[in-house]
Amino acid sequence: MDQVDEMLDLDAAIAQLTERQREVALLVAQGYTQEEIGERLGITHQVVSEHWQTAVGKLREFLI
């Protein structure tokens, strides 16, 4: 698999996430803590954790 195929697979995997899951994943990737993300998005850090865990599960399922 070449780099272009890998990017297409990643784009397709990300498309499977909800908007909120994508927001959380992007903020995690940028180095924000769950508490900071919660404050930024107006949700609790527990809800951030749920979105993050679901997003990671979906990405793993799609990419592996």
C-alpha atoms as a PDB file:
ATOM      1  CA  MET A   1       0.000   0.000   0.000  1.00  0.00           C
ATOM      2  CA  ASP A   2       1.454   3.343  -0.954  1.00  0.00           C
ATOM      3  CA  GLN A   3       1.182   6.621   0.897  1.00  0.00           C
ATOM      4  CA  VAL A   4      -1.752   7.861  -1.212  1.00  0.00           C
ATOM      5  CA  ASP A   5      -3.753   4.699  -0.463  1.00  0.00           C
ATOM      6  CA  GLU A   6      -2.991   5.054   3.236  1.00  0.00           C
ATOM      7  CA  MET A   7      -4.226   8.665   3.211  1.00  0.00           C
ATOM      8  CA  LEU A   8      -7.414   7.639   1.400  1.00  0.00           C
ATOM      9  CA  ASP A   9      -8.020   4.901   3.975  1.00  0.00           C
ATOM     10  CA  LEU A  10      -7.479   7.383   6.800  1.00  0.00           C
ATOM     11  CA  ASP A  11      -9.862   9.889   5.180  1.00  0.00           C
ATOM     12  CA  ALA A  12     -12.501   7.160   4.817  1.00  0.00           C
ATOM     13  CA  ALA A  13     -11.999   6.117   8.448  1.00  0.00           C
ATOM     14  CA  ILE A  14     -12.315   9.688   9.692  1.00  0.00           C
ATOM     15  CA  ALA A  15     -15.499  10.104   7.651  1.00  0.00           C
ATOM     16  CA  GLN A  16     -17.043   7.339   9.792  1.00  0.00           C
ATOM     17  CA  LEU A  17     -16.759   9.506  12.908  1.00  0.00           C
ATOM     18  CA  THR A  18     -19.433  11.891  14.084  1.00  0.00           C
ATOM     19  CA  GLU A  19     -18.644  15.591  13.981  1.00  0.00           C
ATOM     20  CA  ARG A  20     -18.120  15.631  17.759  1.00  0.00           C
ATOM     21  CA  GLN A  21     -15.835  12.595  17.628  1.00  0.00           C
ATOM     22  CA  ARG A  22     -13.760  14.315  14.934  1.00  0.00           C
ATOM     23  CA  GLU A  23     -13.574  17.495  17.036  1.00  0.00           C
ATOM     24  CA  VAL A  24     -12.405  15.566  20.082  1.00  0.00           C
ATOM     25  CA  ALA A  25      -9.878  13.521  18.078  1.00  0.00           C
ATOM     26  CA  LEU A  26      -8.428  16.662  16.506  1.00  0.00           C
ATOM     27  CA  LEU A  27      -8.077  18.384  19.870  1.00  0.00           C
ATOM     28  CA  VAL A  28      -6.477  15.277  21.414  1.00  0.00           C
ATOM     29  CA  ALA A  29      -4.044  15.188  18.484  1.00  0.00           C
ATOM     30  CA  GLN A  30      -3.222  18.842  19.163  1.00  0.00           C
ATOM     31  CA  GLY A  31      -2.272  17.955  22.722  1.00  0.00           C
ATOM     32  CA  TYR A  32      -5.249  19.244  24.693  1.00  0.00           C
ATOM     33  CA  THR A  33      -6.228  17.369  27.861  1.00  0.00           C
ATOM     34  CA  GLN A  34      -9.704  15.923  28.270  1.00  0.00           C
ATOM     35  CA  GLU A  35     -10.488  18.636  30.785  1.00  0.00           C
ATOM     36  CA  GLU A  36      -9.371  21.364  28.368  1.00  0.00           C
ATOM     37  CA  ILE A  37     -11.372  19.824  25.536  1.00  0.00           C
ATOM     38  CA  GLY A  38     -14.436  19.617  27.754  1.00  0.00           C
ATOM     39  CA  GLU A  39     -14.138  23.273  28.683  1.00  0.00           C
ATOM     40  CA  ARG A  40     -13.624  24.267  25.064  1.00  0.00           C
ATOM     41  CA  LEU A  41     -16.600  22.245  23.806  1.00  0.00           C
ATOM     42  CA  GLY A  42     -18.870  22.829  26.798  1.00  0.00           C
ATOM     43  CA  ILE A  43     -19.056  19.164  27.818  1.00  0.00           C
ATOM     44  CA  THR A  44     -17.698  17.183  30.756  1.00  0.00           C
ATOM     45  CA  HIS A  45     -14.350  15.427  30.560  1.00  0.00           C
ATOM     46  CA  GLN A  46     -16.254  12.136  30.990  1.00  0.00           C
ATOM     47  CA  VAL A  47     -18.183  12.845  27.786  1.00  0.00           C
ATOM     48  CA  VAL A  48     -14.920  13.787  26.068  1.00  0.00           C
ATOM     49  CA  SER A  49     -13.523  10.423  27.160  1.00  0.00           C
ATOM     50  CA  GLU A  50     -16.554   8.597  25.750  1.00  0.00           C
ATOM     51  CA  HIS A  51     -16.231  10.384  22.390  1.00  0.00           C
ATOM     52  CA  TRP A  52     -12.497   9.682  22.277  1.00  0.00           C
ATOM     53  CA  GLN A  53     -12.880   5.994  23.125  1.00  0.00           C
ATOM     54  CA  THR A  54     -15.622   5.562  20.534  1.00  0.00           C
ATOM     55  CA  ALA A  55     -13.576   7.390  17.891  1.00  0.00           C
ATOM     56  CA  VAL A  56     -10.495   5.266  18.537  1.00  0.00           C
ATOM     57  CA  GLY A  57     -12.587   2.090  18.383  1.00  0.00           C
ATOM     58  CA  LYS A  58     -14.140   3.096  15.060  1.00  0.00           C
ATOM     59  CA  LEU A  59     -10.756   4.028  13.578  1.00  0.00           C
ATOM     60  CA  ARG A  60      -9.171   0.760  14.690  1.00  0.00           C
ATOM     61  CA  GLU A  61     -12.070  -1.234  13.305  1.00  0.00           C
ATOM     62  CA  PHE A  62     -11.925   0.553   9.973  1.00  0.00           C
ATOM     63  CA  LEU A  63      -8.146   0.590   9.545  1.00  0.00           C
ATOM     64  CA  ILE A  64      -7.210  -2.866  10.818  1.00  0.00           C
END
